[in-house]
Amino acid sequence: TNAVFQNYLSGYLAENKGNIVNNGSVKVKASSPIIANGNGTNYNGEALDGSASNDYFALNACELTGDATITIKEQYSGIIIENTTADINGNFLTIEKGDCVVFIENCNITLPEGKKLISCAFTKYQVFILNVTVNGVLLTQENAAQYLENVGWYGVYNNL
């Protein structure tokens, strides 16, 4: 339920049930909330406390549905979400703590009316959006603002 993925499948679960070795592709399907609380170990076994400069929250090639919103509750150096589809009931990404750079790339997101792609607790964040659609519309520098809340700076890039 609570997972951090970096590069391959390399993260933690709320209860450590053992080690996962990924020798191929793993596609994550989630329908319940994803809470990143900064605890666990990263891909090289170092402790994640949410404060180290190499701690990243990353999702790659995931399918999120229903209540599978993402909430960041601790400090990370960066947030990377790529190649992910989502048809969810709330905001896609909520950042409650920290000040980091956010990359969202090659994602297709469906949100309810009035919900945000990114909602931040404080106006400090830098967001890079690359080839992302929201509700079937490719985001541009002009239309992305309606899906961002308390983002300090953002750049939208397509077809890089």
N, C-alpha and C. Protein backbone atom coordinates (compact mmCIF):
# COMPACT_ATOMS: atom_id res chain seq x y z
N THR A 1 0.83 -1.21 0.00
CA THR A 1 0.00 0.00 0.00
C THR A 1 0.86 1.25 0.00
N ASN A 2 1.80 1.37 0.92
CA ASN A 2 2.68 2.53 0.97
C ASN A 2 4.00 2.13 0.33
N ALA A 3 4.31 2.67 -0.84
CA ALA A 3 5.49 2.21 -1.55
C ALA A 3 6.25 3.35 -2.18
N VAL A 4 7.55 3.19 -2.27
CA VAL A 4 8.42 4.11 -2.99
C VAL A 4 9.11 3.28 -4.05
N PHE A 5 9.11 3.75 -5.29
CA PHE A 5 9.74 3.03 -6.38
C PHE A 5 10.81 3.92 -6.99
N GLN A 6 12.01 3.42 -7.17
CA GLN A 6 13.07 4.18 -7.81
C GLN A 6 13.75 3.27 -8.82
N ASN A 7 13.85 3.75 -10.05
CA ASN A 7 14.41 2.99 -11.15
C ASN A 7 13.61 1.72 -11.37
N TYR A 8 14.06 0.60 -10.89
CA TYR A 8 13.34 -0.65 -11.02
C TYR A 8 12.38 -0.73 -9.84
N LEU A 9 11.90 -1.88 -9.50
CA LEU A 9 11.07 -1.99 -8.30
C LEU A 9 12.01 -2.02 -7.11
N SER A 10 12.13 -0.91 -6.43
CA SER A 10 13.09 -0.81 -5.35
C SER A 10 12.52 0.13 -4.31
N GLY A 11 11.82 -0.39 -3.38
CA GLY A 11 11.21 0.47 -2.39
C GLY A 11 10.89 -0.29 -1.14
N TYR A 12 9.89 0.17 -0.46
CA TYR A 12 9.54 -0.46 0.80
C TYR A 12 8.03 -0.61 0.87
N LEU A 13 7.60 -1.51 1.71
CA LEU A 13 6.20 -1.67 2.02
C LEU A 13 6.02 -1.29 3.48
N ALA A 14 4.81 -1.00 3.89
CA ALA A 14 4.55 -0.60 5.27
C ALA A 14 5.06 -1.67 6.24
N GLU A 15 4.91 -2.92 5.91
CA GLU A 15 5.46 -4.02 6.69
C GLU A 15 6.47 -4.74 5.81
N ASN A 16 7.67 -4.91 6.32
CA ASN A 16 8.70 -5.57 5.54
C ASN A 16 8.44 -7.07 5.51
N LYS A 17 8.04 -7.59 4.36
CA LYS A 17 7.75 -9.01 4.19
C LYS A 17 8.94 -9.75 3.57
N GLY A 18 10.06 -9.05 3.35
CA GLY A 18 11.21 -9.68 2.74
C GLY A 18 11.73 -8.82 1.60
N ASN A 19 12.63 -9.36 0.82
CA ASN A 19 13.23 -8.64 -0.29
C ASN A 19 12.53 -8.94 -1.59
N ILE A 20 12.51 -7.96 -2.48
CA ILE A 20 11.96 -8.14 -3.82
C ILE A 20 13.11 -7.95 -4.80
N VAL A 21 13.34 -8.92 -5.64
CA VAL A 21 14.34 -8.81 -6.68
C VAL A 21 13.62 -8.69 -8.00
N ASN A 22 13.92 -7.63 -8.74
CA ASN A 22 13.25 -7.38 -10.00
C ASN A 22 14.20 -7.67 -11.14
N ASN A 23 13.95 -8.73 -11.86
CA ASN A 23 14.77 -9.08 -13.01
C ASN A 23 14.06 -8.77 -14.33
N GLY A 24 13.00 -8.01 -14.27
CA GLY A 24 12.25 -7.68 -15.48
C GLY A 24 11.40 -6.47 -15.21
N SER A 25 10.28 -6.38 -15.88
CA SER A 25 9.37 -5.25 -15.72
C SER A 25 8.27 -5.59 -14.73
N VAL A 26 7.91 -4.62 -13.93
CA VAL A 26 6.80 -4.76 -13.00
C VAL A 26 5.89 -3.57 -13.21
N LYS A 27 4.62 -3.82 -13.45
CA LYS A 27 3.65 -2.74 -13.60
C LYS A 27 2.78 -2.73 -12.36
N VAL A 28 2.76 -1.60 -11.70
CA VAL A 28 2.00 -1.46 -10.47
C VAL A 28 0.61 -0.97 -10.80
N LYS A 29 -0.39 -1.63 -10.21
CA LYS A 29 -1.77 -1.17 -10.30
C LYS A 29 -2.23 -0.88 -8.88
N ALA A 30 -2.69 0.33 -8.64
CA ALA A 30 -3.11 0.73 -7.31
C ALA A 30 -4.49 1.36 -7.36
N SER A 31 -5.30 1.06 -6.35
CA SER A 31 -6.63 1.68 -6.26
C SER A 31 -6.87 2.28 -4.88
N SER A 32 -5.87 2.25 -4.00
CA SER A 32 -6.00 2.88 -2.70
C SER A 32 -4.90 3.93 -2.56
N PRO A 33 -5.03 4.85 -1.59
CA PRO A 33 -4.08 5.96 -1.48
C PRO A 33 -2.63 5.49 -1.33
N ILE A 34 -1.71 6.25 -1.95
CA ILE A 34 -0.28 6.01 -1.83
C ILE A 34 0.27 7.11 -0.94
N ILE A 35 0.80 6.73 0.23
CA ILE A 35 1.32 7.68 1.20
C ILE A 35 2.83 7.50 1.29
N ALA A 36 3.59 8.53 0.97
CA ALA A 36 5.05 8.47 1.06
C ALA A 36 5.46 9.17 2.35
N ASN A 37 5.90 8.37 3.33
CA ASN A 37 6.23 8.95 4.63
C ASN A 37 7.71 8.97 4.92
N GLY A 38 8.55 8.62 3.95
CA GLY A 38 9.99 8.78 4.11
C GLY A 38 10.67 7.70 4.93
N ASN A 39 10.01 6.61 5.22
CA ASN A 39 10.63 5.53 5.98
C ASN A 39 10.89 4.34 5.08
N GLY A 40 11.93 3.59 5.37
CA GLY A 40 12.22 2.40 4.58
C GLY A 40 13.64 2.42 4.07
N THR A 41 13.93 1.66 3.03
CA THR A 41 15.26 1.64 2.45
C THR A 41 15.18 1.86 0.96
N ASN A 42 16.22 2.45 0.40
CA ASN A 42 16.22 2.69 -1.03
C ASN A 42 16.91 1.53 -1.74
N TYR A 43 17.16 1.69 -3.03
CA TYR A 43 17.63 0.58 -3.84
C TYR A 43 18.98 0.03 -3.42
N ASN A 44 19.81 0.82 -2.74
CA ASN A 44 21.11 0.31 -2.35
C ASN A 44 21.19 -0.02 -0.86
N GLY A 45 20.04 -0.09 -0.20
CA GLY A 45 19.98 -0.54 1.18
C GLY A 45 20.18 0.54 2.22
N GLU A 46 20.44 1.78 1.81
CA GLU A 46 20.60 2.85 2.78
C GLU A 46 19.25 3.23 3.37
N ALA A 47 19.26 3.62 4.63
CA ALA A 47 18.02 4.00 5.29
C ALA A 47 17.44 5.25 4.65
N LEU A 48 16.15 5.26 4.44
CA LEU A 48 15.45 6.45 3.97
C LEU A 48 14.80 7.12 5.17
N ASP A 49 15.19 8.34 5.43
CA ASP A 49 14.54 9.07 6.52
C ASP A 49 13.83 10.32 6.02
N GLY A 50 13.79 10.48 4.71
CA GLY A 50 13.10 11.63 4.15
C GLY A 50 13.92 12.91 4.21
N SER A 51 15.18 12.83 4.66
CA SER A 51 15.98 14.05 4.75
C SER A 51 17.29 13.95 3.98
N ALA A 52 17.72 12.76 3.63
CA ALA A 52 18.99 12.61 2.91
C ALA A 52 18.86 13.18 1.50
N SER A 53 19.96 13.71 0.98
CA SER A 53 19.91 14.38 -0.31
C SER A 53 19.65 13.42 -1.47
N ASN A 54 19.78 12.12 -1.26
CA ASN A 54 19.57 11.18 -2.36
C ASN A 54 18.23 10.45 -2.27
N ASP A 55 17.34 10.91 -1.42
CA ASP A 55 16.04 10.27 -1.28
C ASP A 55 15.07 10.83 -2.32
N TYR A 56 14.53 9.95 -3.16
CA TYR A 56 13.57 10.34 -4.18
C TYR A 56 12.32 9.49 -4.06
N PHE A 57 11.19 10.10 -4.37
CA PHE A 57 9.96 9.34 -4.52
C PHE A 57 9.75 9.22 -6.02
N ALA A 58 9.62 7.99 -6.51
CA ALA A 58 9.46 7.81 -7.95
C ALA A 58 8.46 6.71 -8.25
N LEU A 59 7.61 6.95 -9.23
CA LEU A 59 6.71 5.95 -9.78
C LEU A 59 6.95 5.88 -11.28
N ASN A 60 7.04 4.67 -11.81
CA ASN A 60 7.25 4.50 -13.24
C ASN A 60 6.35 3.38 -13.74
N ALA A 61 5.64 3.64 -14.82
CA ALA A 61 4.79 2.63 -15.49
C ALA A 61 3.74 2.07 -14.54
N CYS A 62 3.02 2.96 -13.88
CA CYS A 62 1.97 2.55 -12.94
C CYS A 62 0.59 2.88 -13.50
N GLU A 63 -0.40 2.18 -12.98
CA GLU A 63 -1.80 2.44 -13.32
C GLU A 63 -2.54 2.71 -12.02
N LEU A 64 -3.02 3.94 -11.86
CA LEU A 64 -3.70 4.35 -10.64
C LEU A 64 -5.18 4.57 -10.93
N THR A 65 -6.03 4.03 -10.07
CA THR A 65 -7.48 4.18 -10.24
C THR A 65 -8.13 4.49 -8.90
N GLY A 66 -9.38 4.94 -8.96
CA GLY A 66 -10.18 5.15 -7.75
C GLY A 66 -9.54 6.11 -6.78
N ASP A 67 -9.22 5.62 -5.58
CA ASP A 67 -8.67 6.45 -4.51
C ASP A 67 -7.14 6.49 -4.51
N ALA A 68 -6.49 6.04 -5.55
CA ALA A 68 -5.02 5.96 -5.60
C ALA A 68 -4.39 7.32 -5.84
N THR A 69 -4.66 8.26 -4.94
CA THR A 69 -3.99 9.55 -4.97
C THR A 69 -2.63 9.40 -4.30
N ILE A 70 -1.71 10.30 -4.60
CA ILE A 70 -0.36 10.24 -4.04
C ILE A 70 -0.19 11.40 -3.07
N THR A 71 0.21 11.09 -1.83
CA THR A 71 0.45 12.12 -0.83
C THR A 71 1.88 11.99 -0.31
N ILE A 72 2.63 13.08 -0.39
CA ILE A 72 4.01 13.14 0.09
C ILE A 72 3.98 13.79 1.47
N LYS A 73 4.37 13.04 2.50
CA LYS A 73 4.31 13.53 3.87
C LYS A 73 5.67 13.89 4.46
N GLU A 74 6.76 13.62 3.75
CA GLU A 74 8.09 13.91 4.25
C GLU A 74 8.94 14.57 3.17
N GLN A 75 10.11 15.06 3.54
CA GLN A 75 11.02 15.73 2.62
C GLN A 75 11.70 14.71 1.71
N TYR A 76 11.67 14.97 0.42
CA TYR A 76 12.42 14.21 -0.57
C TYR A 76 13.21 15.19 -1.41
N SER A 77 14.33 14.73 -1.98
CA SER A 77 15.10 15.58 -2.88
C SER A 77 14.37 15.83 -4.18
N GLY A 78 13.60 14.85 -4.60
CA GLY A 78 12.85 14.99 -5.83
C GLY A 78 11.71 14.01 -5.90
N ILE A 79 10.74 14.34 -6.73
CA ILE A 79 9.60 13.47 -6.98
C ILE A 79 9.56 13.24 -8.48
N ILE A 80 9.57 11.98 -8.89
CA ILE A 80 9.60 11.63 -10.31
C ILE A 80 8.45 10.68 -10.59
N ILE A 81 7.54 11.09 -11.47
CA ILE A 81 6.43 10.22 -11.86
C ILE A 81 6.43 10.18 -13.38
N GLU A 82 6.57 8.97 -13.94
CA GLU A 82 6.65 8.87 -15.39
C GLU A 82 5.93 7.64 -15.91
N ASN A 83 5.49 7.75 -17.17
CA ASN A 83 4.84 6.63 -17.87
C ASN A 83 3.69 6.03 -17.07
N THR A 84 2.90 6.88 -16.45
CA THR A 84 1.83 6.45 -15.56
C THR A 84 0.48 6.94 -16.06
N THR A 85 -0.53 6.11 -15.90
CA THR A 85 -1.91 6.51 -16.19
C THR A 85 -2.68 6.56 -14.88
N ALA A 86 -3.62 7.48 -14.80
CA ALA A 86 -4.42 7.60 -13.59
C ALA A 86 -5.81 8.08 -13.94
N ASP A 87 -6.79 7.43 -13.33
CA ASP A 87 -8.19 7.85 -13.39
C ASP A 87 -8.66 7.79 -11.94
N ILE A 88 -8.49 8.90 -11.22
CA ILE A 88 -8.63 8.89 -9.77
C ILE A 88 -9.71 9.86 -9.30
N ASN A 89 -10.05 9.74 -8.01
CA ASN A 89 -11.16 10.49 -7.44
C ASN A 89 -10.76 11.82 -6.79
N GLY A 90 -9.47 12.09 -6.68
CA GLY A 90 -9.03 13.31 -6.00
C GLY A 90 -7.88 13.96 -6.72
N ASN A 91 -7.11 14.79 -5.98
CA ASN A 91 -5.90 15.38 -6.54
C ASN A 91 -4.91 14.26 -6.86
N PHE A 92 -4.16 14.41 -7.95
CA PHE A 92 -3.19 13.38 -8.34
C PHE A 92 -2.03 13.33 -7.35
N LEU A 93 -1.40 14.46 -7.07
CA LEU A 93 -0.22 14.53 -6.20
C LEU A 93 -0.41 15.65 -5.20
N THR A 94 -0.37 15.32 -3.91
CA THR A 94 -0.45 16.31 -2.84
C THR A 94 0.86 16.27 -2.07
N ILE A 95 1.52 17.42 -1.95
CA ILE A 95 2.79 17.50 -1.23
C ILE A 95 2.56 18.28 0.05
N GLU A 96 2.68 17.59 1.19
CA GLU A 96 2.41 18.22 2.48
C GLU A 96 3.65 18.77 3.15
N LYS A 97 4.81 18.25 2.81
CA LYS A 97 6.03 18.66 3.50
C LYS A 97 7.20 18.67 2.53
N GLY A 98 8.12 19.59 2.75
CA GLY A 98 9.34 19.61 1.96
C GLY A 98 9.35 20.67 0.90
N ASP A 99 10.47 20.76 0.24
CA ASP A 99 10.68 21.69 -0.86
C ASP A 99 11.57 20.97 -1.86
N CYS A 100 11.01 20.54 -2.97
CA CYS A 100 11.78 19.73 -3.90
C CYS A 100 11.37 20.01 -5.34
N VAL A 101 12.08 19.37 -6.24
CA VAL A 101 11.77 19.47 -7.66
C VAL A 101 10.87 18.30 -8.03
N VAL A 102 9.85 18.57 -8.84
CA VAL A 102 8.89 17.54 -9.25
C VAL A 102 8.98 17.39 -10.76
N PHE A 103 9.12 16.13 -11.22
CA PHE A 103 9.11 15.82 -12.65
C PHE A 103 7.92 14.90 -12.91
N ILE A 104 7.05 15.29 -13.82
CA ILE A 104 5.96 14.42 -14.26
C ILE A 104 6.10 14.30 -15.77
N GLU A 105 6.30 13.07 -16.25
CA GLU A 105 6.63 12.86 -17.66
C GLU A 105 5.84 11.71 -18.26
N ASN A 106 5.34 11.92 -19.47
CA ASN A 106 4.64 10.88 -20.24
C ASN A 106 3.52 10.22 -19.44
N CYS A 107 2.65 11.05 -18.89
CA CYS A 107 1.54 10.55 -18.08
C CYS A 107 0.21 10.98 -18.69
N ASN A 108 -0.80 10.15 -18.47
CA ASN A 108 -2.16 10.42 -18.92
C ASN A 108 -3.05 10.38 -17.69
N ILE A 109 -3.52 11.54 -17.25
CA ILE A 109 -4.22 11.67 -15.98
C ILE A 109 -5.67 12.12 -16.22
N THR A 110 -6.61 11.44 -15.56
CA THR A 110 -8.01 11.85 -15.58
C THR A 110 -8.41 12.23 -14.15
N LEU A 111 -8.88 13.47 -14.00
CA LEU A 111 -9.23 14.01 -12.69
C LEU A 111 -10.68 14.48 -12.67
N PRO A 112 -11.33 14.44 -11.50
CA PRO A 112 -12.66 15.03 -11.38
C PRO A 112 -12.56 16.55 -11.50
N GLU A 113 -13.65 17.18 -11.84
CA GLU A 113 -13.70 18.63 -11.97
C GLU A 113 -13.22 19.30 -10.69
N GLY A 114 -12.36 20.29 -10.84
CA GLY A 114 -11.86 21.05 -9.71
C GLY A 114 -10.66 20.44 -9.00
N LYS A 115 -10.28 19.22 -9.31
CA LYS A 115 -9.14 18.58 -8.66
C LYS A 115 -7.86 18.96 -9.39
N LYS A 116 -6.73 18.82 -8.70
CA LYS A 116 -5.46 19.31 -9.20
C LYS A 116 -4.50 18.17 -9.56
N LEU A 117 -3.66 18.44 -10.54
CA LEU A 117 -2.56 17.54 -10.87
C LEU A 117 -1.57 17.56 -9.71
N ILE A 118 -1.24 18.76 -9.22
CA ILE A 118 -0.34 18.92 -8.09
C ILE A 118 -0.92 19.98 -7.15
N SER A 119 -0.98 19.64 -5.86
CA SER A 119 -1.38 20.57 -4.83
C SER A 119 -0.31 20.57 -3.75
N CYS A 120 0.26 21.74 -3.46
CA CYS A 120 1.36 21.84 -2.50
C CYS A 120 0.93 22.64 -1.28
N ALA A 121 1.51 22.28 -0.13
CA ALA A 121 1.20 22.98 1.11
C ALA A 121 1.81 24.38 1.13
N PHE A 122 2.95 24.55 0.47
CA PHE A 122 3.64 25.83 0.45
C PHE A 122 4.04 26.17 -0.98
N THR A 123 4.16 27.44 -1.28
CA THR A 123 4.50 27.87 -2.64
C THR A 123 6.01 27.95 -2.80
N LYS A 124 6.68 26.81 -2.94
CA LYS A 124 8.12 26.77 -3.12
C LYS A 124 8.53 25.86 -4.26
N TYR A 125 7.67 25.03 -4.70
CA TYR A 125 8.05 23.91 -5.56
C TYR A 125 8.32 24.32 -6.99
N GLN A 126 9.26 23.60 -7.62
CA GLN A 126 9.54 23.73 -9.04
C GLN A 126 9.04 22.47 -9.72
N VAL A 127 8.24 22.65 -10.77
CA VAL A 127 7.61 21.51 -11.43
C VAL A 127 7.98 21.52 -12.91
N PHE A 128 8.40 20.36 -13.40
CA PHE A 128 8.67 20.15 -14.81
C PHE A 128 7.64 19.15 -15.33
N ILE A 129 6.88 19.54 -16.34
CA ILE A 129 5.83 18.70 -16.91
C ILE A 129 6.23 18.41 -18.36
N LEU A 130 6.37 17.14 -18.68
CA LEU A 130 6.81 16.75 -20.02
C LEU A 130 5.81 15.76 -20.61
N ASN A 131 5.16 16.14 -21.70
CA ASN A 131 4.22 15.26 -22.42
C ASN A 131 3.18 14.64 -21.48
N VAL A 132 2.40 15.49 -20.84
CA VAL A 132 1.37 15.05 -19.89
C VAL A 132 0.01 15.53 -20.38
N THR A 133 -0.97 14.61 -20.36
CA THR A 133 -2.34 15.00 -20.66
C THR A 133 -3.17 14.91 -19.38
N VAL A 134 -4.09 15.86 -19.24
CA VAL A 134 -5.05 15.85 -18.14
C VAL A 134 -6.43 15.95 -18.76
N ASN A 135 -7.26 14.98 -18.45
CA ASN A 135 -8.62 14.91 -18.99
C ASN A 135 -8.62 15.00 -20.52
N GLY A 136 -7.65 14.31 -21.12
CA GLY A 136 -7.57 14.20 -22.57
C GLY A 136 -6.95 15.38 -23.29
N VAL A 137 -6.47 16.39 -22.54
CA VAL A 137 -5.88 17.59 -23.16
C VAL A 137 -4.39 17.63 -22.82
N LEU A 138 -3.55 17.79 -23.84
CA LEU A 138 -2.12 17.92 -23.63
C LEU A 138 -1.84 19.23 -22.91
N LEU A 139 -1.11 19.15 -21.79
CA LEU A 139 -0.82 20.37 -21.04
C LEU A 139 0.20 21.21 -21.78
N THR A 140 -0.01 22.53 -21.71
CA THR A 140 0.90 23.51 -22.27
C THR A 140 1.22 24.52 -21.16
N GLN A 141 2.16 25.40 -21.43
CA GLN A 141 2.49 26.44 -20.45
C GLN A 141 1.26 27.28 -20.14
N GLU A 142 0.37 27.45 -21.13
CA GLU A 142 -0.81 28.31 -20.96
C GLU A 142 -1.93 27.63 -20.18
N ASN A 143 -2.16 26.34 -20.37
CA ASN A 143 -3.32 25.72 -19.72
C ASN A 143 -2.99 24.92 -18.46
N ALA A 144 -1.72 24.75 -18.14
CA ALA A 144 -1.34 23.92 -16.99
C ALA A 144 -1.70 24.55 -15.64
N ALA A 145 -1.69 25.86 -15.55
CA ALA A 145 -1.91 26.54 -14.28
C ALA A 145 -3.21 26.14 -13.59
N GLN A 146 -4.24 25.84 -14.36
CA GLN A 146 -5.52 25.47 -13.76
C GLN A 146 -5.45 24.15 -13.00
N TYR A 147 -4.41 23.36 -13.24
CA TYR A 147 -4.26 22.07 -12.57
C TYR A 147 -3.17 22.08 -11.51
N LEU A 148 -2.63 23.26 -11.19
CA LEU A 148 -1.56 23.39 -10.20
C LEU A 148 -2.00 24.31 -9.08
N GLU A 149 -1.66 23.92 -7.84
CA GLU A 149 -2.02 24.73 -6.67
C GLU A 149 -0.78 24.94 -5.80
N ASN A 150 -0.44 26.20 -5.55
CA ASN A 150 0.71 26.58 -4.74
C ASN A 150 2.03 26.08 -5.31
N VAL A 151 2.17 26.12 -6.61
CA VAL A 151 3.43 25.77 -7.26
C VAL A 151 4.18 27.07 -7.54
N GLY A 152 5.45 27.14 -7.08
CA GLY A 152 6.21 28.36 -7.25
C GLY A 152 6.60 28.65 -8.68
N TRP A 153 7.05 27.62 -9.41
CA TRP A 153 7.46 27.77 -10.81
C TRP A 153 7.15 26.47 -11.52
N TYR A 154 6.74 26.58 -12.77
CA TYR A 154 6.53 25.36 -13.56
C TYR A 154 6.91 25.62 -15.01
N GLY A 155 7.36 24.55 -15.66
CA GLY A 155 7.65 24.58 -17.07
C GLY A 155 7.01 23.39 -17.73
N VAL A 156 6.42 23.62 -18.89
CA VAL A 156 5.74 22.55 -19.63
C VAL A 156 6.46 22.35 -20.94
N TYR A 157 6.84 21.12 -21.21
CA TYR A 157 7.60 20.79 -22.41
C TYR A 157 6.95 19.60 -23.09
N ASN A 158 6.80 19.68 -24.39
CA ASN A 158 6.17 18.60 -25.16
C ASN A 158 7.06 18.20 -26.31
N ASN A 159 7.02 16.89 -26.61
CA ASN A 159 7.76 16.32 -27.74
C ASN A 159 9.25 16.60 -27.70
N LEU A 160 9.83 16.44 -26.51
CA LEU A 160 11.29 16.63 -26.39
C LEU A 160 12.02 15.42 -26.90
